[in-house]
Amino acid sequence: MKAKYTNRNPNTKIENLNFLEINGLKKVLQEIDVSVLELQKYVYLCTHLLKQLLVL
């Protein structure tokens, strides 16, 4: 699910960002997405292991 950018301050314009800044922000957001996916895998693994321990 992708977040939609909303401009909360009407006095600022998103057009002021240059392409390098936008590309940099995209890279950071992609890294965050990858990190979140990795965390989700670890959380799933931990909960799966905990469920198996509770069965013992």
N, C-alpha and C. Protein backbone atom coordinates (compact mmCIF):
# COMPACT_ATOMS: atom_id res chain seq x y z
N MET A 1 0.84 -1.17 0.00
CA MET A 1 0.00 0.00 0.00
C MET A 1 0.89 1.24 0.00
N LYS A 2 0.65 2.13 -0.91
CA LYS A 2 1.48 3.32 -1.00
C LYS A 2 0.79 4.50 -0.35
N ALA A 3 1.57 5.30 0.34
CA ALA A 3 1.02 6.49 0.97
C ALA A 3 0.87 7.61 -0.06
N LYS A 4 -0.18 8.37 0.10
CA LYS A 4 -0.42 9.49 -0.81
C LYS A 4 0.07 10.77 -0.13
N TYR A 5 0.82 11.57 -0.88
CA TYR A 5 1.34 12.81 -0.32
C TYR A 5 0.24 13.85 -0.28
N THR A 6 0.04 14.43 0.88
CA THR A 6 -0.91 15.54 0.98
C THR A 6 -0.14 16.76 1.46
N ASN A 7 -0.35 17.86 0.78
CA ASN A 7 0.33 19.10 1.13
C ASN A 7 -0.49 19.80 2.21
N ARG A 8 0.02 19.76 3.45
CA ARG A 8 -0.73 20.33 4.57
C ARG A 8 -0.53 21.84 4.67
N ASN A 9 0.52 22.35 4.07
CA ASN A 9 0.78 23.79 4.13
C ASN A 9 0.56 24.37 2.74
N PRO A 10 -0.52 25.12 2.55
CA PRO A 10 -0.82 25.63 1.21
C PRO A 10 0.19 26.67 0.72
N ASN A 11 1.02 27.19 1.63
CA ASN A 11 2.00 28.20 1.22
C ASN A 11 3.23 27.59 0.56
N THR A 12 3.45 26.30 0.75
CA THR A 12 4.60 25.65 0.12
C THR A 12 4.13 24.91 -1.11
N LYS A 13 5.00 24.82 -2.09
CA LYS A 13 4.65 24.12 -3.33
C LYS A 13 5.60 22.96 -3.52
N ILE A 14 5.04 21.81 -3.87
CA ILE A 14 5.88 20.63 -4.08
C ILE A 14 6.76 20.80 -5.31
N GLU A 15 6.40 21.72 -6.20
CA GLU A 15 7.21 21.95 -7.40
C GLU A 15 8.59 22.50 -7.06
N ASN A 16 8.75 23.03 -5.85
CA ASN A 16 10.04 23.59 -5.45
C ASN A 16 11.10 22.51 -5.25
N LEU A 17 10.68 21.27 -5.06
CA LEU A 17 11.65 20.18 -4.91
C LEU A 17 12.27 19.88 -6.26
N ASN A 18 13.58 19.78 -6.30
CA ASN A 18 14.19 19.43 -7.58
C ASN A 18 14.23 17.91 -7.74
N PHE A 19 14.58 17.46 -8.94
CA PHE A 19 14.51 16.03 -9.23
C PHE A 19 15.47 15.22 -8.37
N LEU A 20 16.64 15.77 -8.03
CA LEU A 20 17.58 15.02 -7.20
C LEU A 20 16.99 14.76 -5.82
N GLU A 21 16.32 15.78 -5.26
CA GLU A 21 15.70 15.60 -3.95
C GLU A 21 14.59 14.57 -4.03
N ILE A 22 13.80 14.63 -5.09
CA ILE A 22 12.70 13.68 -5.24
C ILE A 22 13.24 12.26 -5.38
N ASN A 23 14.28 12.08 -6.20
CA ASN A 23 14.87 10.74 -6.36
C ASN A 23 15.47 10.25 -5.05
N GLY A 24 16.11 11.16 -4.30
CA GLY A 24 16.65 10.79 -3.00
C GLY A 24 15.56 10.34 -2.05
N LEU A 25 14.45 11.07 -2.06
CA LEU A 25 13.32 10.69 -1.20
C LEU A 25 12.74 9.35 -1.62
N LYS A 26 12.68 9.10 -2.92
CA LYS A 26 12.17 7.80 -3.40
C LYS A 26 13.05 6.67 -2.92
N LYS A 27 14.38 6.87 -2.97
CA LYS A 27 15.30 5.82 -2.52
C LYS A 27 15.12 5.54 -1.03
N VAL A 28 14.97 6.62 -0.25
CA VAL A 28 14.77 6.44 1.19
C VAL A 28 13.48 5.69 1.46
N LEU A 29 12.42 6.05 0.75
CA LEU A 29 11.14 5.37 0.94
C LEU A 29 11.22 3.90 0.54
N GLN A 30 11.96 3.59 -0.52
CA GLN A 30 12.13 2.19 -0.92
C GLN A 30 12.89 1.41 0.14
N GLU A 31 13.92 2.04 0.73
CA GLU A 31 14.67 1.37 1.79
C GLU A 31 13.78 1.12 3.00
N ILE A 32 12.91 2.08 3.31
CA ILE A 32 11.99 1.90 4.44
C ILE A 32 11.03 0.75 4.14
N ASP A 33 10.53 0.69 2.90
CA ASP A 33 9.63 -0.42 2.52
C ASP A 33 10.32 -1.76 2.70
N VAL A 34 11.58 -1.87 2.25
CA VAL A 34 12.33 -3.12 2.38
C VAL A 34 12.53 -3.46 3.86
N SER A 35 12.86 -2.47 4.67
CA SER A 35 13.07 -2.70 6.10
C SER A 35 11.79 -3.18 6.77
N VAL A 36 10.66 -2.58 6.39
CA VAL A 36 9.38 -2.99 6.97
C VAL A 36 9.06 -4.43 6.58
N LEU A 37 9.32 -4.79 5.33
CA LEU A 37 9.08 -6.18 4.90
C LEU A 37 9.95 -7.16 5.68
N GLU A 38 11.21 -6.80 5.90
CA GLU A 38 12.10 -7.67 6.68
C GLU A 38 11.59 -7.81 8.10
N LEU A 39 11.15 -6.71 8.70
CA LEU A 39 10.61 -6.77 10.06
C LEU A 39 9.37 -7.65 10.11
N GLN A 40 8.52 -7.54 9.10
CA GLN A 40 7.32 -8.38 9.07
C GLN A 40 7.68 -9.85 9.02
N LYS A 41 8.74 -10.20 8.26
CA LYS A 41 9.17 -11.60 8.19
C LYS A 41 9.64 -12.08 9.56
N TYR A 42 10.43 -11.24 10.26
CA TYR A 42 10.94 -11.64 11.57
C TYR A 42 9.80 -11.76 12.58
N VAL A 43 8.85 -10.85 12.52
CA VAL A 43 7.71 -10.92 13.45
C VAL A 43 6.91 -12.20 13.19
N TYR A 44 6.69 -12.52 11.92
CA TYR A 44 5.97 -13.75 11.59
C TYR A 44 6.73 -14.97 12.10
N LEU A 45 8.05 -14.98 11.87
CA LEU A 45 8.87 -16.10 12.32
C LEU A 45 8.80 -16.25 13.84
N CYS A 46 8.92 -15.13 14.55
CA CYS A 46 8.89 -15.18 16.02
C CYS A 46 7.53 -15.67 16.53
N THR A 47 6.45 -15.16 15.94
CA THR A 47 5.13 -15.61 16.39
C THR A 47 4.92 -17.09 16.06
N HIS A 48 5.41 -17.53 14.93
CA HIS A 48 5.30 -18.95 14.56
C HIS A 48 6.06 -19.82 15.57
N LEU A 49 7.27 -19.40 15.92
CA LEU A 49 8.06 -20.16 16.89
C LEU A 49 7.41 -20.15 18.27
N LEU A 50 6.84 -19.01 18.66
CA LEU A 50 6.16 -18.95 19.96
C LEU A 50 4.95 -19.87 19.99
N LYS A 51 4.21 -19.92 18.90
CA LYS A 51 3.05 -20.83 18.84
C LYS A 51 3.51 -22.27 18.97
N GLN A 52 4.61 -22.62 18.33
CA GLN A 52 5.12 -23.99 18.44
C GLN A 52 5.57 -24.30 19.86
N LEU A 53 6.18 -23.31 20.53
CA LEU A 53 6.61 -23.53 21.92
C LEU A 53 5.41 -23.71 22.84
N LEU A 54 4.34 -22.97 22.58
CA LEU A 54 3.15 -23.09 23.42
C LEU A 54 2.48 -24.45 23.26
N VAL A 55 2.64 -25.07 22.10
CA VAL A 55 2.05 -26.38 21.86
C VAL A 55 2.80 -27.45 22.65
N LEU A 56 4.11 -27.25 22.84
CA LEU A 56 4.92 -28.26 23.55
C LEU A 56 4.46 -28.47 24.95
